[in-house]
């Protein structure tokens, strides 16, 4: 199947697509012995010999990883401020990229991979893959607020699609809310609650489609099984039918945030053998 050259180069683990474009324009890429400088050029990675600086590209093994991102870690491969990145926590030889993002202050489930097609299906809104979060927000989330979230909230770039939302607990002037989205606007959960006058104290993503955070500790990671990858692709194919945020108030939920008022003590964060401090 024909693919753009920059995609073939990136999937081989040579560099990012943006840098691959510079290699192409600079005349450093050949296809079947001929120099190609056009950014729109395509090739079949199965049948064509693609070389960068004279070296033939070899297909890179696909890697699928799930990480429990701690707060303070950012979901980008390079950072001008020298902050720690999610990819630095994962010890594999392949060049990985985050599927979607969690902002610096949020935590929880993030998938990393070198499979661009897989990443596109998980992240693009048209596939409807559900992302579920636990949010500790200021104040009492009343039913009128919840109904507004379900119908859609007007943000700067337009109205949200609407989300599944339920309050799991109310205590000490704080509400613990479970919210599931099918799109991916920038900082969408925080902005939805802010629009209704509720500050988000902590935000943790606990599920992407059928994939749950479970007991994976902050900073720890593991490889996804073949069945887990298949189940995520099935979620993308079916548009994520079913409800993840319909449990009654007070029902237990795997991976719930620690109880207590904002600013209180939090449990120590130990990492497993692949994520020691």
Protein backbone atom coordinates (compact mmCIF):
# COMPACT_ATOMS: atom_id res chain seq x y z
CA UNK A 1 0.00 0.00 0.00
CA UNK A 2 1.34 3.42 -0.96
CA UNK A 3 2.29 5.72 1.91
CA UNK A 4 3.87 9.16 2.11
CA UNK A 5 7.64 9.00 2.39
CA UNK A 6 7.74 11.00 5.62
CA UNK A 7 5.39 8.47 7.23
CA UNK A 8 7.55 5.53 6.09
CA UNK A 9 10.67 7.20 7.49
CA UNK A 10 9.02 8.01 10.81
CA UNK A 11 7.60 4.50 11.21
CA UNK A 12 11.07 3.07 10.62
CA UNK A 13 12.18 4.95 13.73
CA UNK A 14 14.62 7.26 11.95
CA UNK A 15 13.07 10.53 13.08
CA UNK A 16 9.77 12.39 13.37
CA UNK A 17 7.60 13.13 10.34
CA UNK A 18 8.52 16.81 10.50
CA UNK A 19 12.24 16.05 10.45
CA UNK A 20 11.65 13.46 7.73
CA UNK A 21 10.24 16.22 5.53
CA UNK A 22 13.51 18.12 5.93
CA UNK A 23 15.44 15.01 4.88
CA UNK A 24 13.29 14.66 1.77
CA UNK A 25 13.60 18.31 0.73
CA UNK A 26 17.35 18.10 1.33
CA UNK A 27 17.69 15.31 -1.22
CA UNK A 28 18.78 12.71 1.33
CA UNK A 29 16.02 10.19 0.53
CA UNK A 30 15.94 7.77 -2.40
CA UNK A 31 13.25 5.36 -3.62
CA UNK A 32 14.54 2.45 -5.67
CA UNK A 33 17.77 4.38 -6.29
CA UNK A 34 16.18 7.66 -7.41
CA UNK A 35 16.41 10.82 -5.30
CA UNK A 36 12.98 12.12 -4.27
CA UNK A 37 12.53 15.71 -3.07
CA UNK A 38 8.73 16.13 -3.33
CA UNK A 39 6.90 16.08 0.03
CA UNK A 40 3.83 14.51 -1.55
CA UNK A 41 5.79 11.55 -2.94
CA UNK A 42 4.64 8.07 -1.94
CA UNK A 43 6.09 4.58 -1.94
CA UNK A 44 5.09 1.07 -0.96
CA UNK A 45 7.19 0.09 2.07
CA UNK A 46 6.62 -3.58 1.26
CA UNK A 47 7.97 -3.49 -2.30
CA UNK A 48 10.10 -0.31 -2.63
CA UNK A 49 13.64 0.22 -1.40
CA UNK A 50 13.62 3.44 0.59
CA UNK A 51 16.98 4.76 1.74
CA UNK A 52 18.06 7.70 3.91
CA UNK A 53 21.65 8.83 3.38
CA UNK A 54 22.24 5.61 1.47
CA UNK A 55 21.02 3.34 4.27
CA UNK A 56 18.03 1.12 3.53
CA UNK A 57 15.12 1.47 5.91
CA UNK A 58 14.02 -1.63 7.76
CA UNK A 59 10.53 -1.99 9.16
CA UNK A 60 10.58 -1.27 12.90
CA UNK A 61 8.82 -3.63 15.27
CA UNK A 62 5.53 -2.17 16.46
CA UNK A 63 5.46 -1.38 20.18
CA UNK A 64 2.39 -0.63 22.31
CA UNK A 65 2.86 0.61 25.86
CA UNK A 66 0.61 1.91 28.62
CA UNK A 67 2.01 4.35 31.19
CA UNK A 68 0.57 5.79 34.39
CA UNK A 69 1.72 9.38 33.84
CA UNK A 70 2.51 11.26 37.06
CA UNK A 71 1.75 14.98 37.46
CA UNK A 72 4.58 17.21 36.25
CA UNK A 73 5.41 14.96 33.29
CA UNK A 74 4.50 16.23 29.83
CA UNK A 75 3.26 14.31 26.78
CA UNK A 76 5.68 15.49 24.12
CA UNK A 77 8.95 14.14 22.79
CA UNK A 78 10.89 17.40 23.13
CA UNK A 79 10.48 20.23 25.60
CA UNK A 80 12.26 23.59 25.48
CA UNK A 81 11.92 23.93 29.26
CA UNK A 82 13.71 20.63 29.91
CA UNK A 83 10.76 19.15 31.78
CA UNK A 84 10.52 15.39 32.08
CA UNK A 85 8.57 13.73 29.27
CA UNK A 86 6.41 10.63 29.21
CA UNK A 87 8.63 8.90 26.65
CA UNK A 88 11.62 9.25 29.00
CA UNK A 89 9.84 7.00 31.52
CA UNK A 90 9.52 4.12 29.05
CA UNK A 91 12.67 2.09 28.48
CA UNK A 92 12.41 0.66 24.96
CA UNK A 93 14.77 1.13 22.01
CA UNK A 94 12.03 2.20 19.58
CA UNK A 95 11.07 5.85 19.18
CA UNK A 96 7.61 6.20 20.76
CA UNK A 97 4.94 8.88 20.66
CA UNK A 98 2.06 9.63 23.00
CA UNK A 99 -1.42 8.81 21.72
CA UNK A 100 -3.26 12.01 22.56
CA UNK A 101 -2.14 14.02 25.56
CA UNK A 102 -2.63 14.67 29.23
CA UNK A 103 -1.69 18.15 30.39
CA UNK A 104 1.25 18.64 32.73
CA UNK A 105 -0.85 18.70 35.91
CA UNK A 106 -3.08 15.73 35.01
CA UNK A 107 -2.18 12.12 35.59
CA UNK A 108 -3.14 8.61 34.65
CA UNK A 109 -3.49 6.42 31.61
CA UNK A 110 -1.53 7.30 28.47
CA UNK A 111 -0.73 4.97 25.56
CA UNK A 112 2.58 5.26 23.70
CA UNK A 113 3.39 3.60 20.40
CA UNK A 114 5.34 3.81 17.16
CA UNK A 115 2.30 2.64 15.15
CA UNK A 116 0.89 5.77 13.49
CA UNK A 117 -2.29 4.13 12.17
CA UNK A 118 -3.11 2.72 15.61
CA UNK A 119 -2.48 6.12 17.22
CA UNK A 120 -4.74 7.85 14.69
CA UNK A 121 -7.62 5.48 15.41
CA UNK A 122 -7.33 5.95 19.17
CA UNK A 123 -6.92 9.72 19.14
CA UNK A 124 -9.07 11.11 16.31
CA UNK A 125 -12.58 12.19 17.43
CA UNK A 126 -14.27 10.57 14.42
CA UNK A 127 -13.53 7.11 15.84
CA UNK A 128 -15.32 7.89 19.11
CA UNK A 129 -12.91 6.07 21.43
CA UNK A 130 -14.00 6.80 24.98
CA UNK A 131 -11.66 8.38 27.52
CA UNK A 132 -12.80 8.21 31.15
CA UNK A 133 -11.54 10.48 33.92
CA UNK A 134 -11.95 10.86 37.66
CA UNK A 135 -12.03 14.52 38.62
CA UNK A 136 -12.02 16.02 42.12
CA UNK A 137 -13.71 19.38 41.69
CA UNK A 138 -14.55 22.27 43.94
CA UNK A 139 -18.12 22.55 45.20
CA UNK A 140 -21.27 20.47 44.97
CA UNK A 141 -21.91 19.27 41.42
CA UNK A 142 -25.68 19.46 41.21
CA UNK A 143 -27.91 17.68 38.69
CA UNK A 144 -28.44 20.83 36.54
CA UNK A 145 -24.66 21.06 36.05
CA UNK A 146 -24.45 17.38 35.15
CA UNK A 147 -27.25 17.75 32.62
CA UNK A 148 -25.46 20.65 30.94
CA UNK A 149 -22.33 18.51 30.59
CA UNK A 150 -24.38 15.67 29.07
CA UNK A 151 -25.94 17.99 26.50
CA UNK A 152 -22.72 19.82 25.65
CA UNK A 153 -20.90 22.90 26.92
CA UNK A 154 -20.00 25.91 24.79
CA UNK A 155 -16.23 26.47 24.70
CA UNK A 156 -14.17 28.93 22.65
CA UNK A 157 -13.97 26.61 19.62
CA UNK A 158 -17.60 25.50 19.79
CA UNK A 159 -19.91 23.20 21.66
CA UNK A 160 -18.66 19.91 23.08
CA UNK A 161 -20.28 16.70 21.92
CA UNK A 162 -21.68 16.02 25.34
CA UNK A 163 -20.27 13.56 27.86
CA UNK A 164 -21.34 10.82 30.20
CA UNK A 165 -20.96 12.08 33.75
CA UNK A 166 -21.89 10.94 37.25
CA UNK A 167 -20.99 12.05 40.77
CA UNK A 168 -19.44 9.21 42.78
CA UNK A 169 -19.02 11.04 46.10
CA UNK A 170 -19.57 14.41 47.75
CA UNK A 171 -17.61 15.37 50.88
CA UNK A 172 -15.80 18.35 52.43
CA UNK A 173 -17.11 20.71 49.74
CA UNK A 174 -15.59 18.56 47.00
CA UNK A 175 -17.26 16.37 44.38
CA UNK A 176 -15.68 13.26 42.87
CA UNK A 177 -16.97 13.00 39.31
CA UNK A 178 -16.59 10.27 36.71
CA UNK A 179 -16.71 11.73 33.19
CA UNK A 180 -16.36 10.02 29.80
CA UNK A 181 -15.60 11.89 26.57
CA UNK A 182 -15.51 10.77 22.94
CA UNK A 183 -13.59 13.74 21.56
CA UNK A 184 -10.32 15.37 22.52
CA UNK A 185 -10.36 19.14 22.76
CA UNK A 186 -7.38 20.72 24.53
CA UNK A 187 -7.81 20.50 28.34
CA UNK A 188 -11.47 19.71 27.72
CA UNK A 189 -12.40 18.27 31.13
CA UNK A 190 -10.88 21.17 33.05
CA UNK A 191 -12.50 23.72 30.75
CA UNK A 192 -15.93 22.08 30.99
CA UNK A 193 -15.95 22.27 34.78
CA UNK A 194 -14.44 25.78 34.76
CA UNK A 195 -17.25 26.93 32.46
CA UNK A 196 -19.69 25.85 35.16
CA UNK A 197 -17.69 27.54 37.92
CA UNK A 198 -16.01 24.45 39.37
CA UNK A 199 -12.23 24.34 39.76
CA UNK A 200 -10.60 20.95 39.10
CA UNK A 201 -8.23 19.99 41.94
CA UNK A 202 -7.02 16.67 40.52
CA UNK A 203 -7.69 14.92 37.24
CA UNK A 204 -6.82 11.32 36.48
CA UNK A 205 -7.56 9.39 33.30
CA UNK A 206 -8.48 5.87 34.36
CA UNK A 207 -9.70 4.29 31.13
CA UNK A 208 -9.33 4.44 27.37
CA UNK A 209 -12.11 2.37 25.83
CA UNK A 210 -11.83 -1.11 27.39
CA UNK A 211 -8.31 -0.46 28.72
CA UNK A 212 -8.30 0.35 32.45
CA UNK A 213 -5.53 1.92 34.52
CA UNK A 214 -6.01 -0.70 37.23
CA UNK A 215 -3.20 -1.04 39.77
CA UNK A 216 -0.37 0.37 37.61
CA UNK A 217 1.52 2.75 39.87
CA UNK A 218 2.45 6.35 38.94
CA UNK A 219 5.54 6.37 36.73
CA UNK A 220 5.23 2.65 35.95
CA UNK A 221 4.55 1.20 32.50
CA UNK A 222 3.92 -2.10 30.79
CA UNK A 223 3.51 -3.43 27.28
CA UNK A 224 0.00 -4.01 25.97
CA UNK A 225 -0.94 -7.57 25.13
CA UNK A 226 -2.06 -8.50 21.63
CA UNK A 227 -5.62 -8.93 22.92
CA UNK A 228 -5.56 -5.45 24.48
CA UNK A 229 -4.42 -3.91 21.19
CA UNK A 230 -7.19 -5.77 19.36
CA UNK A 231 -9.80 -4.61 21.88
CA UNK A 232 -8.73 -0.98 21.44
CA UNK A 233 -8.98 -1.30 17.65
CA UNK A 234 -12.41 -2.87 18.09
CA UNK A 235 -13.43 0.13 20.19
CA UNK A 236 -12.38 2.42 17.32
CA UNK A 237 -14.28 0.33 14.75
CA UNK A 238 -17.50 0.28 16.76
CA UNK A 239 -17.41 3.88 17.92
CA UNK A 240 -17.27 2.94 21.61
CA UNK A 241 -20.81 1.74 22.14
CA UNK A 242 -21.91 1.30 25.73
CA UNK A 243 -21.72 3.34 28.93
CA UNK A 244 -18.77 3.70 31.27
CA UNK A 245 -20.14 6.46 33.53
CA UNK A 246 -23.59 5.17 34.40
CA UNK A 247 -22.99 3.65 37.84
CA UNK A 248 -25.15 5.03 40.65
CA UNK A 249 -23.72 7.61 43.00
CA UNK A 250 -21.63 5.99 45.70
CA UNK A 251 -20.85 2.84 43.69
CA UNK A 252 -17.21 1.70 43.91
CA UNK A 253 -14.95 2.19 40.91
CA UNK A 254 -11.57 0.65 40.22
CA UNK A 255 -8.80 3.24 40.39
CA UNK A 256 -10.76 5.86 42.37
CA UNK A 257 -8.86 8.86 43.67
CA UNK A 258 -7.87 8.97 47.31
CA UNK A 259 -10.54 10.49 49.56
CA UNK A 260 -10.08 13.69 51.46
CA UNK A 261 -10.15 17.44 50.90
CA UNK A 262 -7.89 19.11 48.32
CA UNK A 263 -4.35 19.78 49.44
CA UNK A 264 -4.39 16.93 51.95
CA UNK A 265 -1.74 14.23 52.22
CA UNK A 266 -1.36 11.85 49.33
CA UNK A 267 0.02 8.37 49.32
CA UNK A 268 3.65 7.88 48.46
CA UNK A 269 4.39 7.06 44.86
CA UNK A 270 6.53 4.02 44.40
CA UNK A 271 7.42 2.67 40.99
CA UNK A 272 7.81 -0.89 39.84
CA UNK A 273 11.04 -2.42 38.55
CA UNK A 274 10.65 -0.55 35.24
CA UNK A 275 10.00 2.82 36.82
CA UNK A 276 12.14 3.27 39.90
CA UNK A 277 13.03 6.76 41.06
